[in-house]
Structure formats: structure tokens, C-alpha cells
């Protein structure tokens, strides 16, 4: 993923499915990259700890957002 200011993180992980009332697919960000995101989250978040991203898997690109699993520390 890459933001307009040039931060780029590359990682891999298993895709997991949350069925919910509306289904979503997720990849958990590894701990090291999570710490990098946490360091910039206050400057780039647009609320609730959400971090806008441009993501890419293979040749497919889209805009989405990352959000914290535990808002007790990152959503303040």
C-alpha cells in the first residue's frame, strides 16, 4: 500500500473472511508494520482510527481503509 506522501508497506498474510451481515475480507497487518502505522495514525486518520490506503494485490488496485482491531489505544 502507498499513501500520497510516499509511505509504502509491503507484507503478506492469509486472507480471512468475516461473514457478518455484510461480508468482508481481511488480511491482518503483521506486528512490525502495525507499529509503523501506529506511529503515523494520528496524522493520517480520518476518524475512529481509520487510515485511508491505496491497496494492491497482484494487478488489482483499490482504495480502502485500515482500521484498528483494538480501538482502546489507537482511536483516542
C-alpha atoms as a PDB file:
ATOM      1  CA  UNK A   1       0.000   0.000   0.000  1.00  0.00           C
ATOM      2  CA  UNK A   2       1.176   3.546  -0.665  1.00  0.00           C
ATOM      3  CA  UNK A   3      -0.109   6.867   0.599  1.00  0.00           C
ATOM      4  CA  UNK A   4       0.127  10.200  -1.258  1.00  0.00           C
ATOM      5  CA  UNK A   5       3.161  11.220   0.827  1.00  0.00           C
ATOM      6  CA  UNK A   6       5.088   8.121  -0.192  1.00  0.00           C
ATOM      7  CA  UNK A   7       4.763   5.742   2.768  1.00  0.00           C
ATOM      8  CA  UNK A   8       4.817   2.240   1.368  1.00  0.00           C
ATOM      9  CA  UNK A   9       4.326  -1.025   3.237  1.00  0.00           C
ATOM     10  CA  UNK A  10       4.503  -4.442   1.677  1.00  0.00           C
ATOM     11  CA  UNK A  11       3.510  -7.578   3.531  1.00  0.00           C
ATOM     12  CA  UNK A  12       1.737 -10.860   3.033  1.00  0.00           C
ATOM     13  CA  UNK A  13      -0.724 -12.799   5.096  1.00  0.00           C
ATOM     14  CA  UNK A  14      -3.666 -15.127   4.958  1.00  0.00           C
ATOM     15  CA  UNK A  15      -6.971 -13.657   3.796  1.00  0.00           C
ATOM     16  CA  UNK A  16      -9.752 -14.313   6.259  1.00  0.00           C
ATOM     17  CA  UNK A  17     -13.489 -13.928   5.742  1.00  0.00           C
ATOM     18  CA  UNK A  18     -15.874 -12.224   8.131  1.00  0.00           C
ATOM     19  CA  UNK A  19     -19.411 -13.212   7.225  1.00  0.00           C
ATOM     20  CA  UNK A  20     -21.222 -10.607   9.330  1.00  0.00           C
ATOM     21  CA  UNK A  21     -24.482  -9.225   7.968  1.00  0.00           C
ATOM     22  CA  UNK A  22     -22.341  -7.775   5.154  1.00  0.00           C
ATOM     23  CA  UNK A  23     -19.323  -9.921   4.247  1.00  0.00           C
ATOM     24  CA  UNK A  24     -15.781  -8.568   4.322  1.00  0.00           C
ATOM     25  CA  UNK A  25     -12.340  -9.988   3.629  1.00  0.00           C
ATOM     26  CA  UNK A  26      -9.313  -9.043   5.719  1.00  0.00           C
ATOM     27  CA  UNK A  27      -5.574  -9.554   5.953  1.00  0.00           C
ATOM     28  CA  UNK A  28      -4.053  -8.945   9.368  1.00  0.00           C
ATOM     29  CA  UNK A  29      -1.163  -6.458   9.216  1.00  0.00           C
ATOM     30  CA  UNK A  30       1.970  -8.007  10.782  1.00  0.00           C
ATOM     31  CA  UNK A  31       3.225  -6.547  14.060  1.00  0.00           C
ATOM     32  CA  UNK A  32       6.254  -4.679  12.657  1.00  0.00           C
ATOM     33  CA  UNK A  33       4.167  -2.910  10.008  1.00  0.00           C
ATOM     34  CA  UNK A  34       1.434  -2.268  12.587  1.00  0.00           C
ATOM     35  CA  UNK A  35       3.943  -0.334  14.684  1.00  0.00           C
ATOM     36  CA  UNK A  36       4.860   1.779  11.626  1.00  0.00           C
ATOM     37  CA  UNK A  37       1.174   2.515  11.039  1.00  0.00           C
ATOM     38  CA  UNK A  38       0.582   3.335  14.680  1.00  0.00           C
ATOM     39  CA  UNK A  39       3.400   5.909  14.519  1.00  0.00           C
ATOM     40  CA  UNK A  40       1.616   7.892  11.774  1.00  0.00           C
ATOM     41  CA  UNK A  41      -2.007   7.108  12.585  1.00  0.00           C
ATOM     42  CA  UNK A  42      -2.816  10.379  14.364  1.00  0.00           C
ATOM     43  CA  UNK A  43      -1.673  12.441  11.361  1.00  0.00           C
ATOM     44  CA  UNK A  44      -3.451  10.401   8.689  1.00  0.00           C
ATOM     45  CA  UNK A  45      -6.581   9.034  10.383  1.00  0.00           C
ATOM     46  CA  UNK A  46      -9.970  10.378   9.345  1.00  0.00           C
ATOM     47  CA  UNK A  47     -11.762   9.173  12.473  1.00  0.00           C
ATOM     48  CA  UNK A  48     -12.187   6.050  14.596  1.00  0.00           C
ATOM     49  CA  UNK A  49      -8.541   5.240  13.896  1.00  0.00           C
ATOM     50  CA  UNK A  50      -9.275   4.603  10.205  1.00  0.00           C
ATOM     51  CA  UNK A  51      -6.267   5.031   7.889  1.00  0.00           C
ATOM     52  CA  UNK A  52      -7.015   5.560   4.191  1.00  0.00           C
ATOM     53  CA  UNK A  53      -4.939   3.410   1.826  1.00  0.00           C
ATOM     54  CA  UNK A  54      -4.487   2.508  -1.784  1.00  0.00           C
ATOM     55  CA  UNK A  55      -4.098  -1.256  -1.776  1.00  0.00           C
ATOM     56  CA  UNK A  56      -2.867  -3.675  -4.380  1.00  0.00           C
ATOM     57  CA  UNK A  57      -2.996  -7.458  -4.615  1.00  0.00           C
ATOM     58  CA  UNK A  58      -1.359  -8.695  -7.795  1.00  0.00           C
ATOM     59  CA  UNK A  59      -2.550  -6.422 -10.609  1.00  0.00           C
ATOM     60  CA  UNK A  60      -5.752  -5.398  -8.780  1.00  0.00           C
ATOM     61  CA  UNK A  61      -5.731  -1.962  -7.082  1.00  0.00           C
ATOM     62  CA  UNK A  62      -8.386  -0.236  -4.994  1.00  0.00           C
ATOM     63  CA  UNK A  63      -8.910   2.422  -2.337  1.00  0.00           C
ATOM     64  CA  UNK A  64      -9.975   1.292   1.102  1.00  0.00           C
ATOM     65  CA  UNK A  65      -9.060   1.891   4.733  1.00  0.00           C
ATOM     66  CA  UNK A  66      -7.257   0.117   7.517  1.00  0.00           C
ATOM     67  CA  UNK A  67      -8.848   0.158  10.912  1.00  0.00           C
ATOM     68  CA  UNK A  68      -7.575  -0.949  14.278  1.00  0.00           C
ATOM     69  CA  UNK A  69      -8.669  -4.225  15.789  1.00  0.00           C
ATOM     70  CA  UNK A  70      -8.387  -2.694  19.254  1.00  0.00           C
ATOM     71  CA  UNK A  71      -9.509   0.927  19.456  1.00  0.00           C
ATOM     72  CA  UNK A  72      -8.533   1.202  23.122  1.00  0.00           C
ATOM     73  CA  UNK A  73      -5.112   2.600  22.190  1.00  0.00           C
ATOM     74  CA  UNK A  74      -5.273   3.873  18.604  1.00  0.00           C
ATOM     75  CA  UNK A  75      -8.636   5.650  18.441  1.00  0.00           C
ATOM     76  CA  UNK A  76      -8.041   8.252  21.107  1.00  0.00           C
END
